[in-house]
Protein backbone atom coordinates (compact mmCIF):
# COMPACT_ATOMS: atom_id res chain seq x y z
CA MET A 1 -17.08 19.78 -22.26
CA VAL A 2 -14.80 16.78 -22.09
CA SER A 3 -12.18 18.83 -20.05
CA LEU A 4 -14.88 20.02 -17.78
CA LYS A 5 -15.83 16.41 -17.00
CA ARG A 6 -12.16 15.59 -16.34
CA VAL A 7 -11.69 18.35 -14.04
CA ALA A 8 -14.98 17.30 -12.16
CA LEU A 9 -13.83 13.70 -12.06
CA LEU A 10 -10.47 14.85 -10.65
CA LEU A 11 -12.05 16.98 -7.87
CA LEU A 12 -14.40 14.13 -6.96
CA VAL A 13 -11.39 11.69 -6.74
CA MET A 14 -9.52 14.23 -4.57
CA VAL A 15 -12.43 14.77 -2.25
CA LEU A 16 -12.97 11.17 -1.86
CA SER A 17 -9.30 10.28 -1.25
CA VAL A 18 -9.04 12.76 1.74
CA PRO A 19 -10.57 10.71 4.46
CA ALA A 20 -8.51 7.64 3.36
CA LEU A 21 -5.27 9.65 3.68
CA ALA A 22 -6.40 11.03 7.21
CA GLY A 23 -5.06 7.62 8.84
CA ALA A 24 -1.53 8.17 7.36
CA ARG A 25 1.22 9.25 9.53
CA PRO A 26 4.82 9.60 8.86
CA ILE A 27 6.89 6.64 10.35
CA ALA A 28 9.65 8.83 11.68
CA PRO A 29 8.94 12.29 13.08
CA SER A 30 10.08 15.11 11.02
CA GLY A 31 10.88 18.53 12.37
CA ALA A 32 13.27 21.47 11.80
CA GLY A 33 16.47 19.38 12.91
CA GLY A 34 14.84 15.91 13.04
CA THR A 35 14.99 12.98 10.76
CA VAL A 36 12.65 11.50 8.34
CA GLU A 37 12.10 8.19 6.79
CA VAL A 38 11.53 8.16 2.98
CA ILE A 39 11.15 5.77 0.11
CA VAL A 40 13.73 6.49 -2.66
CA THR A 41 12.93 5.12 -6.08
CA LEU A 42 15.90 4.40 -8.44
CA ASP A 43 16.22 4.35 -12.11
CA ALA A 44 17.37 0.79 -12.73
CA LYS A 45 14.44 -1.60 -13.74
CA PRO A 46 13.06 -3.80 -10.82
CA LEU A 47 13.15 -7.59 -11.21
CA ALA A 48 9.36 -7.76 -12.03
CA ARG A 49 10.00 -5.55 -15.28
CA GLY A 50 12.88 -7.60 -16.60
CA GLY A 51 15.79 -5.97 -14.59
CA SER A 52 18.70 -7.96 -13.32
CA LEU A 53 19.78 -8.43 -9.78
CA ARG A 54 23.26 -7.24 -10.45
CA THR A 55 22.18 -3.93 -12.01
CA LEU A 56 19.82 -3.34 -9.24
CA GLN A 57 22.32 -3.93 -6.53
CA ALA A 58 24.89 -1.74 -8.46
CA SER A 59 22.45 1.22 -8.67
CA GLN A 60 21.54 0.84 -4.92
CA ARG A 61 25.36 0.87 -3.90
CA ASP A 62 26.01 3.94 -6.28
CA VAL A 63 23.34 6.00 -4.40
CA GLU A 64 24.49 4.80 -0.98
CA SER A 65 28.18 5.61 -1.61
CA GLU A 66 27.18 9.07 -2.97
CA LEU A 67 25.20 9.81 0.28
CA ALA A 68 27.47 7.89 2.57
CA GLY A 69 27.14 9.52 6.16
CA GLN A 70 23.90 11.32 5.38
CA ILE A 71 21.44 8.37 4.97
CA GLN A 72 20.85 5.13 6.92
CA VAL A 73 19.27 2.40 4.89
CA GLN A 74 16.36 0.70 6.50
CA HIS A 75 15.16 -1.58 3.67
CA ARG A 76 16.00 -2.43 0.09
CA TYR A 77 13.37 -2.99 -2.60
CA SER A 78 14.06 -4.84 -5.86
CA THR A 79 10.93 -7.01 -6.91
CA VAL A 80 8.29 -4.47 -7.78
CA LEU A 81 10.33 -1.35 -7.67
CA ASN A 82 14.03 -0.52 -7.44
CA GLY A 83 14.46 1.66 -4.29
CA LEU A 84 15.48 2.11 -0.78
CA ALA A 85 13.88 3.08 2.55
CA VAL A 86 16.32 5.41 4.09
CA THR A 87 16.21 7.74 7.32
CA LEU A 88 18.08 10.98 6.95
CA PRO A 89 18.10 14.51 8.41
CA VAL A 90 15.18 16.69 6.99
CA THR A 91 17.86 19.24 5.81
CA ASP A 92 19.38 16.67 3.47
CA LEU A 93 16.25 15.98 1.47
CA PRO A 94 17.27 18.32 -1.43
CA SER A 95 20.69 16.67 -1.92
CA LEU A 96 18.95 13.30 -1.91
CA GLU A 97 16.51 14.43 -4.58
CA ALA A 98 19.25 15.86 -6.80
CA THR A 99 21.42 12.65 -6.64
CA ASP A 100 22.14 10.94 -9.88
CA GLY A 101 20.05 7.80 -10.38
CA VAL A 102 17.14 8.90 -7.86
CA LEU A 103 13.82 9.11 -9.83
CA GLY A 104 11.75 10.13 -6.87
CA VAL A 105 11.48 10.52 -2.98
CA TYR A 106 8.33 9.88 -1.23
CA PRO A 107 7.51 9.89 2.49
CA ASN A 108 7.19 6.62 4.11
CA LEU A 109 3.67 6.39 5.79
CA ALA A 110 2.14 3.98 8.06
CA TYR A 111 -1.62 3.50 7.64
CA HIS A 112 -4.09 2.58 10.25
CA ALA A 113 -7.83 1.99 10.37
CA LEU A 114 -9.64 5.18 11.54
CA ARG A 115 -12.42 3.29 13.02
CA SER A 116 -11.99 0.56 15.63
CA SER A 117 -15.50 -1.10 15.45
CA SER A 118 -17.47 -1.09 12.31
CA PRO A 119 -20.56 -2.88 13.68
CA GLY A 120 -21.22 0.19 15.90
CA PHE A 121 -20.44 2.54 13.10
CA ILE A 122 -23.09 0.96 10.87
CA GLY A 123 -25.71 0.54 13.42
CA ALA A 124 -25.53 -3.24 13.73
CA PRO A 125 -26.06 -3.53 17.53
CA ALA A 126 -29.57 -1.96 17.11
CA LEU A 127 -30.53 -4.56 14.41
CA TRP A 128 -28.90 -7.61 15.98
CA GLY A 129 -28.74 -8.90 19.61
CA PRO A 130 -29.22 -11.85 21.84
CA THR A 131 -32.73 -10.63 22.97
CA LEU A 132 -34.10 -9.67 19.58
CA SER A 133 -36.21 -11.93 17.33
CA SER A 134 -33.34 -11.68 14.74
CA ALA A 135 -30.86 -13.31 16.96
CA GLY A 136 -31.13 -16.61 15.13
CA ASN A 137 -32.70 -18.55 18.09
CA GLY A 138 -34.43 -21.53 16.52
CA VAL A 139 -33.04 -21.13 13.04
CA LYS A 140 -31.70 -24.32 11.44
CA ILE A 141 -29.21 -24.02 8.42
CA GLY A 142 -28.59 -27.08 6.23
CA ILE A 143 -26.27 -27.13 3.39
CA ILE A 144 -27.08 -29.72 0.78
CA ASP A 145 -24.08 -30.74 -1.56
CA ASP A 146 -23.70 -33.91 -3.36
CA GLY A 147 -20.01 -33.17 -3.70
CA LEU A 148 -19.93 -34.11 -7.33
CA ASP A 149 -18.73 -31.87 -10.33
CA LYS A 150 -20.91 -32.69 -13.17
CA THR A 151 -18.80 -30.88 -15.44
CA HIS A 152 -15.67 -32.99 -14.79
CA PRO A 153 -14.38 -34.72 -17.96
CA TYR A 154 -14.63 -38.14 -16.22
CA PHE A 155 -18.39 -37.75 -16.08
CA ARG A 156 -18.80 -37.27 -20.05
CA ALA A 157 -20.30 -40.09 -21.99
CA ARG A 158 -16.82 -40.92 -23.58
CA GLY A 159 -15.14 -40.57 -20.30
């Protein structure tokens, strides 16, 4: 029964994530003879996980030198992950994945909003407008705040 719940939960997550990924597009166009931009993760620890900058730079240089002429480095990552954003021909992806020190190769995607205007999407113009009674005409707003933090240590009896 537990495995059935896990499968159902996995299917639900997959179905709900499809609309979120609909706005994702590759940064560089890919085709039979074209190039593609990918993120390459490397095996040395990033700085946030206790890695050293010297080791990170060495691992990135090793991958670059092994694939010299095939890749063009767009960006280097070192804080949260050890990796490179590279552009290369689509036909060279298998050799990149098989390179020593490479943990994974992921497409570099740019995300954008699928809707340009959410008020129209949720129907807000029908509920709010300058001619409707809900437009706020004649409404007064007052904020009363004495500005004192009564829990501050200076306001205790011992001060």
